């Protein structure tokens, strides 16, 4: 595996895991008065069931591991898309392109997770509430932006260039 590819991939994964992890830990405490760690117990409950809410530190850690795994999946999907699409690489080569793509990718992530993935495990329909819309919007700066920015910058950085990001057909 290309060392630069691995560096871009791991950097993007670490960034999204940390940025969204901080947001998902702090926001429910501040906005909704939830106990610290409850967000991660809720994440764990997707696989373990509602009993995870009472699991203490063990289910918090399990929820954090699930979060890191899901972050890895969405990071990998975007990196693969960027590697296969010269057009996407060109778009995310600019700050405006990064913001534009993140504005689309964040809601896509939340919609797929909340309407497809989570209900597939919980066997419960998603309730579209005010909190659902907050999450939809929060996925732009706290989920998609770190992924798109880290990969967009990483693919175009001279020190970590993974692919030749020139438009197809340009002379060498």
N, C-alpha and C. Protein backbone atom coordinates (compact mmCIF):
# COMPACT_ATOMS: atom_id res chain seq x y z
N UNK A 1 0.85 -1.18 0.00
CA UNK A 1 0.00 0.00 0.00
C UNK A 1 0.89 1.24 0.00
N UNK A 2 0.54 2.21 -0.78
CA UNK A 2 1.26 3.47 -0.87
C UNK A 2 1.32 4.14 0.50
N UNK A 3 2.53 4.49 0.95
CA UNK A 3 2.70 5.10 2.27
C UNK A 3 1.95 6.43 2.37
N UNK A 4 1.92 7.20 1.29
CA UNK A 4 1.20 8.48 1.31
C UNK A 4 -0.30 8.26 1.42
N UNK A 5 -0.80 7.24 0.72
CA UNK A 5 -2.21 6.89 0.82
C UNK A 5 -2.57 6.59 2.27
N UNK A 6 -1.74 5.77 2.89
CA UNK A 6 -1.98 5.38 4.28
C UNK A 6 -1.94 6.59 5.21
N UNK A 7 -1.02 7.49 4.97
CA UNK A 7 -0.90 8.69 5.80
C UNK A 7 -2.14 9.57 5.67
N UNK A 8 -2.61 9.80 4.46
CA UNK A 8 -3.81 10.62 4.24
C UNK A 8 -5.02 9.96 4.87
N UNK A 9 -5.16 8.66 4.66
CA UNK A 9 -6.29 7.90 5.18
C UNK A 9 -6.32 7.94 6.71
N UNK A 10 -5.21 7.66 7.35
CA UNK A 10 -5.16 7.64 8.81
C UNK A 10 -5.32 9.04 9.41
N UNK A 11 -4.74 10.04 8.76
CA UNK A 11 -4.87 11.42 9.24
C UNK A 11 -6.34 11.86 9.20
N UNK A 12 -7.01 11.56 8.09
CA UNK A 12 -8.42 11.94 7.95
C UNK A 12 -9.26 11.19 8.98
N UNK A 13 -8.99 9.90 9.16
CA UNK A 13 -9.75 9.10 10.12
C UNK A 13 -9.54 9.62 11.54
N UNK A 14 -8.30 9.92 11.90
CA UNK A 14 -8.03 10.43 13.25
C UNK A 14 -8.73 11.77 13.46
N UNK A 15 -8.69 12.64 12.45
CA UNK A 15 -9.30 13.97 12.59
C UNK A 15 -10.81 13.85 12.80
N UNK A 16 -11.48 13.07 11.98
CA UNK A 16 -12.94 12.95 12.13
C UNK A 16 -13.29 12.27 13.45
N UNK A 17 -12.53 11.27 13.83
CA UNK A 17 -12.80 10.57 15.08
C UNK A 17 -12.70 11.54 16.26
N UNK A 18 -11.70 12.39 16.26
CA UNK A 18 -11.49 13.33 17.36
C UNK A 18 -12.50 14.48 17.31
N UNK A 19 -12.64 15.13 16.16
CA UNK A 19 -13.53 16.30 16.06
C UNK A 19 -14.97 15.91 16.36
N UNK A 20 -15.48 14.88 15.70
CA UNK A 20 -16.85 14.47 15.94
C UNK A 20 -17.00 13.87 17.34
N UNK A 21 -15.96 13.20 17.81
CA UNK A 21 -16.00 12.64 19.16
C UNK A 21 -16.16 13.71 20.22
N UNK A 22 -15.43 14.81 20.08
CA UNK A 22 -15.55 15.91 21.03
C UNK A 22 -16.95 16.53 20.94
N UNK A 23 -17.41 16.78 19.71
CA UNK A 23 -18.73 17.36 19.54
C UNK A 23 -19.81 16.45 20.13
N UNK A 24 -19.75 15.16 19.81
CA UNK A 24 -20.78 14.24 20.27
C UNK A 24 -20.73 14.00 21.78
N UNK A 25 -19.60 14.27 22.38
CA UNK A 25 -19.48 14.14 23.83
C UNK A 25 -20.02 15.38 24.54
N UNK A 26 -19.67 16.55 24.04
CA UNK A 26 -19.98 17.81 24.72
C UNK A 26 -21.38 18.33 24.40
N UNK A 27 -21.78 18.28 23.13
CA UNK A 27 -23.04 18.89 22.73
C UNK A 27 -24.26 18.39 23.50
N UNK A 28 -24.46 17.08 23.65
CA UNK A 28 -25.64 16.61 24.39
C UNK A 28 -25.64 17.04 25.86
N UNK A 29 -24.48 17.20 26.43
CA UNK A 29 -24.37 17.64 27.82
C UNK A 29 -24.83 19.10 27.92
N UNK A 30 -24.30 19.93 27.03
CA UNK A 30 -24.59 21.37 27.07
C UNK A 30 -26.01 21.67 26.59
N UNK A 31 -26.40 21.06 25.45
CA UNK A 31 -27.69 21.41 24.84
C UNK A 31 -28.88 20.72 25.49
N UNK A 32 -28.69 19.48 25.95
CA UNK A 32 -29.83 18.71 26.43
C UNK A 32 -29.71 18.25 27.89
N UNK A 33 -28.60 18.58 28.54
CA UNK A 33 -28.43 18.19 29.94
C UNK A 33 -28.20 16.71 30.15
N UNK A 34 -27.78 16.00 29.12
CA UNK A 34 -27.52 14.56 29.27
C UNK A 34 -26.26 14.34 30.10
N UNK A 35 -26.18 13.24 30.78
CA UNK A 35 -24.94 12.92 31.52
C UNK A 35 -23.77 12.73 30.55
N UNK A 36 -22.59 13.09 31.00
CA UNK A 36 -21.38 12.90 30.20
C UNK A 36 -21.23 11.42 29.87
N UNK A 37 -21.03 11.10 28.62
CA UNK A 37 -20.88 9.71 28.20
C UNK A 37 -22.16 9.07 27.70
N UNK A 38 -23.30 9.67 27.96
CA UNK A 38 -24.58 9.08 27.54
C UNK A 38 -24.65 8.94 26.02
N UNK A 39 -24.08 9.89 25.29
CA UNK A 39 -24.11 9.79 23.82
C UNK A 39 -23.48 8.49 23.36
N UNK A 40 -22.39 8.09 24.03
CA UNK A 40 -21.68 6.87 23.62
C UNK A 40 -22.43 5.62 24.05
N UNK A 41 -23.16 5.71 25.14
CA UNK A 41 -24.01 4.59 25.54
C UNK A 41 -25.16 4.44 24.53
N UNK A 42 -25.67 5.57 24.04
CA UNK A 42 -26.71 5.52 23.01
C UNK A 42 -26.17 4.88 21.73
N UNK A 43 -24.94 5.22 21.38
CA UNK A 43 -24.32 4.59 20.21
C UNK A 43 -24.20 3.09 20.44
N UNK A 44 -23.70 2.71 21.59
CA UNK A 44 -23.55 1.28 21.92
C UNK A 44 -24.90 0.56 21.89
N UNK A 45 -25.95 1.27 22.25
CA UNK A 45 -27.29 0.67 22.29
C UNK A 45 -27.77 0.22 20.91
N UNK A 46 -27.20 0.78 19.85
CA UNK A 46 -27.58 0.34 18.50
C UNK A 46 -27.27 -1.14 18.32
N UNK A 47 -26.14 -1.59 18.84
CA UNK A 47 -25.77 -3.00 18.73
C UNK A 47 -26.16 -3.83 19.96
N UNK A 48 -26.07 -3.22 21.14
CA UNK A 48 -26.28 -3.97 22.37
C UNK A 48 -27.71 -3.91 22.90
N UNK A 49 -28.50 -2.99 22.37
CA UNK A 49 -29.85 -2.80 22.88
C UNK A 49 -29.88 -1.72 23.96
N UNK A 50 -31.08 -1.36 24.38
CA UNK A 50 -31.27 -0.27 25.35
C UNK A 50 -30.57 -0.52 26.69
N UNK A 51 -30.23 -1.77 26.98
CA UNK A 51 -29.54 -2.09 28.23
C UNK A 51 -28.17 -1.40 28.28
N UNK A 52 -27.63 -1.01 27.16
CA UNK A 52 -26.32 -0.33 27.11
C UNK A 52 -26.34 0.99 27.89
N UNK A 53 -27.50 1.60 28.02
CA UNK A 53 -27.62 2.86 28.76
C UNK A 53 -27.18 2.67 30.21
N UNK A 54 -27.32 1.47 30.72
CA UNK A 54 -26.99 1.20 32.12
C UNK A 54 -25.64 0.48 32.28
N UNK A 55 -24.86 0.43 31.21
CA UNK A 55 -23.62 -0.35 31.22
C UNK A 55 -22.39 0.37 31.74
N UNK A 56 -22.51 1.62 32.10
CA UNK A 56 -21.38 2.34 32.67
C UNK A 56 -20.24 2.55 31.68
N UNK A 57 -19.04 2.55 32.21
CA UNK A 57 -17.84 2.86 31.42
C UNK A 57 -17.63 1.86 30.29
N UNK A 58 -18.00 0.62 30.51
CA UNK A 58 -17.79 -0.40 29.48
C UNK A 58 -18.59 -0.11 28.21
N UNK A 59 -19.84 0.32 28.37
CA UNK A 59 -20.62 0.61 27.16
C UNK A 59 -20.23 1.96 26.57
N UNK A 60 -19.71 2.87 27.38
CA UNK A 60 -19.18 4.12 26.84
C UNK A 60 -18.00 3.81 25.92
N UNK A 61 -17.09 2.98 26.39
CA UNK A 61 -15.92 2.59 25.58
C UNK A 61 -16.37 1.85 24.32
N UNK A 62 -17.34 0.96 24.46
CA UNK A 62 -17.86 0.23 23.29
C UNK A 62 -18.46 1.22 22.28
N UNK A 63 -19.21 2.21 22.76
CA UNK A 63 -19.77 3.23 21.88
C UNK A 63 -18.68 4.04 21.18
N UNK A 64 -17.63 4.37 21.90
CA UNK A 64 -16.50 5.10 21.29
C UNK A 64 -15.82 4.25 20.21
N UNK A 65 -15.68 2.97 20.45
CA UNK A 65 -15.09 2.08 19.44
C UNK A 65 -16.00 1.97 18.21
N UNK A 66 -17.30 1.91 18.44
CA UNK A 66 -18.25 1.91 17.32
C UNK A 66 -18.12 3.20 16.52
N UNK A 67 -18.02 4.31 17.23
CA UNK A 67 -17.86 5.62 16.59
C UNK A 67 -16.61 5.64 15.71
N UNK A 68 -15.50 5.17 16.24
CA UNK A 68 -14.25 5.15 15.47
C UNK A 68 -14.38 4.26 14.24
N UNK A 69 -15.09 3.15 14.38
CA UNK A 69 -15.29 2.25 13.25
C UNK A 69 -16.14 2.89 12.16
N UNK A 70 -17.23 3.52 12.57
CA UNK A 70 -18.09 4.20 11.59
C UNK A 70 -17.34 5.35 10.93
N UNK A 71 -16.55 6.08 11.69
CA UNK A 71 -15.73 7.16 11.12
C UNK A 71 -14.75 6.61 10.09
N UNK A 72 -14.19 5.45 10.37
CA UNK A 72 -13.28 4.82 9.42
C UNK A 72 -14.01 4.45 8.12
N UNK A 73 -15.21 3.95 8.23
CA UNK A 73 -15.98 3.57 7.04
C UNK A 73 -16.26 4.79 6.17
N UNK A 74 -16.78 5.87 6.77
CA UNK A 74 -17.12 7.06 5.98
C UNK A 74 -15.88 7.75 5.42
N UNK A 75 -14.78 7.70 6.16
CA UNK A 75 -13.52 8.25 5.66
C UNK A 75 -13.04 7.43 4.47
N UNK A 76 -13.10 6.13 4.59
CA UNK A 76 -12.65 5.24 3.52
C UNK A 76 -13.51 5.43 2.27
N UNK A 77 -14.81 5.52 2.45
CA UNK A 77 -15.69 5.72 1.29
C UNK A 77 -15.35 7.01 0.55
N UNK A 78 -15.11 8.08 1.30
CA UNK A 78 -14.79 9.34 0.63
C UNK A 78 -13.43 9.27 -0.05
N UNK A 79 -12.45 8.68 0.60
CA UNK A 79 -11.12 8.57 -0.01
C UNK A 79 -11.18 7.75 -1.28
N UNK A 80 -11.89 6.65 -1.27
CA UNK A 80 -12.02 5.82 -2.47
C UNK A 80 -12.71 6.61 -3.58
N UNK A 81 -13.77 7.33 -3.23
CA UNK A 81 -14.46 8.16 -4.24
C UNK A 81 -13.50 9.19 -4.83
N UNK A 82 -12.69 9.82 -3.98
CA UNK A 82 -11.74 10.82 -4.47
C UNK A 82 -10.66 10.19 -5.33
N UNK A 83 -10.21 9.01 -4.98
CA UNK A 83 -9.18 8.34 -5.78
C UNK A 83 -9.70 7.94 -7.15
N UNK A 84 -10.97 7.59 -7.23
CA UNK A 84 -11.55 7.17 -8.50
C UNK A 84 -12.09 8.32 -9.35
N UNK A 85 -12.25 9.49 -8.75
CA UNK A 85 -12.85 10.61 -9.47
C UNK A 85 -11.91 11.81 -9.55
N UNK A 86 -11.35 12.02 -10.73
CA UNK A 86 -10.49 13.19 -10.93
C UNK A 86 -11.29 14.48 -10.72
N UNK A 87 -12.55 14.45 -11.10
CA UNK A 87 -13.39 15.64 -10.92
C UNK A 87 -13.55 15.98 -9.45
N UNK A 88 -13.82 14.98 -8.61
CA UNK A 88 -13.95 15.21 -7.17
C UNK A 88 -12.63 15.73 -6.59
N UNK A 89 -11.50 15.16 -7.04
CA UNK A 89 -10.20 15.65 -6.56
C UNK A 89 -10.00 17.11 -6.92
N UNK A 90 -10.38 17.50 -8.14
CA UNK A 90 -10.25 18.90 -8.54
C UNK A 90 -11.11 19.81 -7.67
N UNK A 91 -12.33 19.38 -7.40
CA UNK A 91 -13.24 20.20 -6.60
C UNK A 91 -12.70 20.39 -5.19
N UNK A 92 -12.22 19.32 -4.55
CA UNK A 92 -11.75 19.44 -3.16
C UNK A 92 -10.32 19.98 -3.07
N UNK A 93 -9.79 20.45 -4.18
CA UNK A 93 -8.47 21.08 -4.17
C UNK A 93 -8.56 22.53 -3.72
N UNK A 94 -9.78 23.06 -3.61
CA UNK A 94 -9.96 24.46 -3.20
C UNK A 94 -10.77 24.53 -1.91
N UNK A 95 -10.57 25.58 -1.12
CA UNK A 95 -11.37 25.73 0.10
C UNK A 95 -12.87 25.76 -0.18
N UNK A 96 -13.28 26.48 -1.22
CA UNK A 96 -14.71 26.54 -1.55
C UNK A 96 -15.23 25.17 -1.94
N UNK A 97 -14.44 24.40 -2.65
CA UNK A 97 -14.84 23.06 -3.03
C UNK A 97 -14.96 22.14 -1.83
N UNK A 98 -14.03 22.27 -0.89
CA UNK A 98 -14.09 21.46 0.33
C UNK A 98 -15.37 21.76 1.08
N UNK A 99 -15.70 23.03 1.24
CA UNK A 99 -16.92 23.41 1.96
C UNK A 99 -18.16 22.94 1.20
N UNK A 100 -18.15 23.10 -0.11
CA UNK A 100 -19.30 22.67 -0.91
C UNK A 100 -19.54 21.18 -0.83
N UNK A 101 -18.48 20.40 -0.95
CA UNK A 101 -18.62 18.95 -0.89
C UNK A 101 -19.03 18.51 0.52
N UNK A 102 -18.45 19.13 1.55
CA UNK A 102 -18.81 18.80 2.93
C UNK A 102 -20.28 19.11 3.19
N UNK A 103 -20.79 20.17 2.59
CA UNK A 103 -22.18 20.57 2.75
C UNK A 103 -23.12 19.50 2.20
N UNK A 104 -22.66 18.75 1.22
CA UNK A 104 -23.46 17.65 0.67
C UNK A 104 -23.18 16.33 1.40
N UNK A 105 -21.90 16.07 1.66
CA UNK A 105 -21.51 14.78 2.24
C UNK A 105 -22.00 14.61 3.67
N UNK A 106 -21.98 15.65 4.47
CA UNK A 106 -22.45 15.56 5.85
C UNK A 106 -23.90 15.09 5.95
N UNK A 107 -24.83 15.76 5.28
CA UNK A 107 -26.21 15.29 5.31
C UNK A 107 -26.39 13.88 4.73
N UNK A 108 -25.62 13.54 3.70
CA UNK A 108 -25.71 12.18 3.16
C UNK A 108 -25.34 11.16 4.24
N UNK A 109 -24.26 11.43 4.96
CA UNK A 109 -23.84 10.53 6.03
C UNK A 109 -24.95 10.37 7.06
N UNK A 110 -25.51 11.50 7.52
CA UNK A 110 -26.54 11.42 8.56
C UNK A 110 -27.79 10.73 8.06
N UNK A 111 -28.22 11.02 6.84
CA UNK A 111 -29.42 10.41 6.29
C UNK A 111 -29.24 8.90 6.16
N UNK A 112 -28.12 8.47 5.64
CA UNK A 112 -27.88 7.03 5.49
C UNK A 112 -27.80 6.36 6.87
N UNK A 113 -27.06 6.96 7.79
CA UNK A 113 -26.93 6.36 9.12
C UNK A 113 -28.28 6.32 9.85
N UNK A 114 -28.99 7.44 9.86
CA UNK A 114 -30.21 7.53 10.67
C UNK A 114 -31.43 6.87 10.04
N UNK A 115 -31.47 6.80 8.72
CA UNK A 115 -32.66 6.24 8.07
C UNK A 115 -32.46 4.83 7.54
N UNK A 116 -31.20 4.38 7.43
CA UNK A 116 -30.93 3.05 6.88
C UNK A 116 -30.17 2.18 7.88
N UNK A 117 -28.97 2.61 8.26
CA UNK A 117 -28.09 1.75 9.06
C UNK A 117 -28.63 1.51 10.47
N UNK A 118 -28.90 2.58 11.20
CA UNK A 118 -29.36 2.42 12.59
C UNK A 118 -30.68 1.66 12.66
N UNK A 119 -31.70 1.99 11.85
CA UNK A 119 -32.95 1.21 11.90
C UNK A 119 -32.76 -0.27 11.52
N UNK A 120 -31.77 -0.56 10.68
CA UNK A 120 -31.51 -1.96 10.34
C UNK A 120 -31.06 -2.76 11.56
N UNK A 121 -30.37 -2.11 12.48
CA UNK A 121 -29.91 -2.80 13.69
C UNK A 121 -30.94 -2.74 14.82
N UNK A 122 -31.63 -1.61 14.95
CA UNK A 122 -32.55 -1.45 16.08
C UNK A 122 -33.96 -1.94 15.78
N UNK A 123 -34.28 -2.08 14.50
CA UNK A 123 -35.61 -2.50 14.06
C UNK A 123 -36.68 -1.48 14.51
N UNK A 124 -36.26 -0.22 14.60
CA UNK A 124 -37.18 0.86 14.95
C UNK A 124 -37.05 1.96 13.90
N UNK A 125 -38.17 2.54 13.54
CA UNK A 125 -38.16 3.65 12.58
C UNK A 125 -37.55 4.89 13.24
N UNK A 126 -36.89 5.67 12.44
CA UNK A 126 -36.29 6.92 12.92
C UNK A 126 -37.37 7.97 13.10
N UNK A 127 -37.30 8.67 14.21
CA UNK A 127 -38.21 9.80 14.46
C UNK A 127 -37.53 11.07 13.94
N UNK A 128 -38.19 11.77 13.04
CA UNK A 128 -37.63 13.02 12.51
C UNK A 128 -38.09 14.14 13.44
N UNK A 129 -37.21 14.54 14.34
CA UNK A 129 -37.52 15.56 15.34
C UNK A 129 -36.55 16.73 15.17
N UNK A 130 -36.66 17.70 16.05
CA UNK A 130 -35.73 18.83 16.04
C UNK A 130 -34.29 18.34 16.21
N UNK A 131 -34.08 17.37 17.07
CA UNK A 131 -32.73 16.82 17.28
C UNK A 131 -32.19 16.16 16.02
N UNK A 132 -33.07 15.51 15.25
CA UNK A 132 -32.65 14.90 14.00
C UNK A 132 -32.10 15.97 13.05
N UNK A 133 -32.81 17.10 12.96
CA UNK A 133 -32.38 18.19 12.08
C UNK A 133 -31.08 18.83 12.59
N UNK A 134 -30.93 18.94 13.89
CA UNK A 134 -29.68 19.45 14.46
C UNK A 134 -28.52 18.54 14.05
N UNK A 135 -28.73 17.23 14.15
CA UNK A 135 -27.70 16.28 13.76
C UNK A 135 -27.40 16.38 12.26
N UNK A 136 -28.43 16.54 11.45
CA UNK A 136 -28.22 16.69 10.02
C UNK A 136 -27.28 17.85 9.73
N UNK A 137 -27.56 18.99 10.34
CA UNK A 137 -26.72 20.17 10.11
C UNK A 137 -25.35 20.03 10.77
N UNK A 138 -25.29 19.42 11.93
CA UNK A 138 -24.01 19.25 12.63
C UNK A 138 -23.07 18.33 11.87
N UNK A 139 -23.60 17.45 11.05
CA UNK A 139 -22.74 16.55 10.29
C UNK A 139 -21.94 17.29 9.21
N UNK A 140 -22.31 18.50 8.91
CA UNK A 140 -21.52 19.26 7.93
C UNK A 140 -20.19 19.69 8.56
N UNK A 141 -20.17 20.50 9.63
CA UNK A 141 -18.88 20.95 10.15
C UNK A 141 -18.13 19.92 11.00
N UNK A 142 -18.85 19.03 11.67
CA UNK A 142 -18.20 18.14 12.63
C UNK A 142 -17.91 16.74 12.10
N UNK A 143 -18.47 16.39 10.95
CA UNK A 143 -18.21 15.07 10.38
C UNK A 143 -17.61 15.22 8.98
N UNK A 144 -18.37 15.77 8.06
CA UNK A 144 -17.93 15.82 6.67
C UNK A 144 -16.75 16.77 6.45
N UNK A 145 -16.79 17.94 7.06
CA UNK A 145 -15.71 18.90 6.82
C UNK A 145 -14.34 18.34 7.20
N UNK A 146 -14.17 17.72 8.37
CA UNK A 146 -12.86 17.14 8.66
C UNK A 146 -12.44 16.05 7.66
N UNK A 147 -13.37 15.23 7.23
CA UNK A 147 -13.05 14.17 6.26
C UNK A 147 -12.63 14.79 4.93
N UNK A 148 -13.47 15.66 4.40
CA UNK A 148 -13.23 16.23 3.08
C UNK A 148 -11.98 17.12 3.09
N UNK A 149 -11.81 17.91 4.13
CA UNK A 149 -10.63 18.79 4.19
C UNK A 149 -9.35 17.98 4.32
N UNK A 150 -9.32 17.00 5.19
CA UNK A 150 -8.10 16.21 5.38
C UNK A 150 -7.74 15.44 4.11
N UNK A 151 -8.73 14.88 3.45
CA UNK A 151 -8.45 14.13 2.23
C UNK A 151 -8.16 15.07 1.07
N UNK A 152 -8.95 16.13 0.94
CA UNK A 152 -8.70 17.10 -0.13
C UNK A 152 -7.31 17.71 -0.05
N UNK A 153 -6.93 18.13 1.13
CA UNK A 153 -5.59 18.71 1.32
C UNK A 153 -4.52 17.65 1.18
N UNK A 154 -4.79 16.45 1.72
CA UNK A 154 -3.80 15.38 1.67
C UNK A 154 -3.51 14.91 0.26
N UNK A 155 -4.53 14.85 -0.58
CA UNK A 155 -4.32 14.40 -1.96
C UNK A 155 -3.56 15.42 -2.78
N UNK A 156 -3.55 16.67 -2.33
CA UNK A 156 -2.90 17.73 -3.11
C UNK A 156 -1.63 18.27 -2.48
N UNK A 157 -1.29 17.80 -1.30
CA UNK A 157 -0.08 18.24 -0.63
C UNK A 157 1.14 17.61 -1.30
N UNK A 158 2.14 18.41 -1.64
CA UNK A 158 3.34 17.84 -2.27
C UNK A 158 4.01 16.76 -1.43
N UNK A 159 3.91 16.86 -0.11
CA UNK A 159 4.58 15.88 0.74
C UNK A 159 3.78 14.58 0.90
N UNK A 160 2.48 14.61 0.61
CA UNK A 160 1.67 13.40 0.78
C UNK A 160 0.87 13.06 -0.47
N UNK A 161 1.29 13.55 -1.63
CA UNK A 161 0.50 13.30 -2.84
C UNK A 161 0.32 11.81 -3.06
N UNK A 162 -0.92 11.40 -3.21
CA UNK A 162 -1.26 10.00 -3.41
C UNK A 162 -1.43 9.71 -4.90
N UNK A 163 -2.11 10.62 -5.58
CA UNK A 163 -2.37 10.45 -7.01
C UNK A 163 -2.04 11.74 -7.70
N UNK A 164 -1.85 11.66 -9.01
CA UNK A 164 -1.66 12.86 -9.81
C UNK A 164 -3.04 13.49 -9.95
N UNK A 165 -3.24 14.64 -9.34
CA UNK A 165 -4.57 15.24 -9.27
C UNK A 165 -4.86 16.18 -10.44
N UNK A 166 -4.00 16.16 -11.48
CA UNK A 166 -4.27 17.00 -12.65
C UNK A 166 -5.51 16.49 -13.38
N UNK A 167 -6.25 17.43 -13.98
CA UNK A 167 -7.41 16.98 -14.76
C UNK A 167 -7.00 16.01 -15.87
N UNK A 168 -7.85 15.06 -16.18
CA UNK A 168 -7.58 14.11 -17.23
C UNK A 168 -7.37 14.85 -18.54
N UNK A 169 -6.35 14.49 -19.28
CA UNK A 169 -6.09 15.10 -20.56
C UNK A 169 -5.07 16.23 -20.52
N UNK A 170 -4.66 16.68 -19.35
CA UNK A 170 -3.64 17.73 -19.28
C UNK A 170 -2.29 17.17 -19.68
N UNK A 171 -1.51 17.99 -20.33
CA UNK A 171 -0.16 17.59 -20.74
C UNK A 171 0.73 17.50 -19.50
N UNK A 172 1.69 16.62 -19.55
CA UNK A 172 2.59 16.42 -18.40
C UNK A 172 3.56 17.56 -18.24
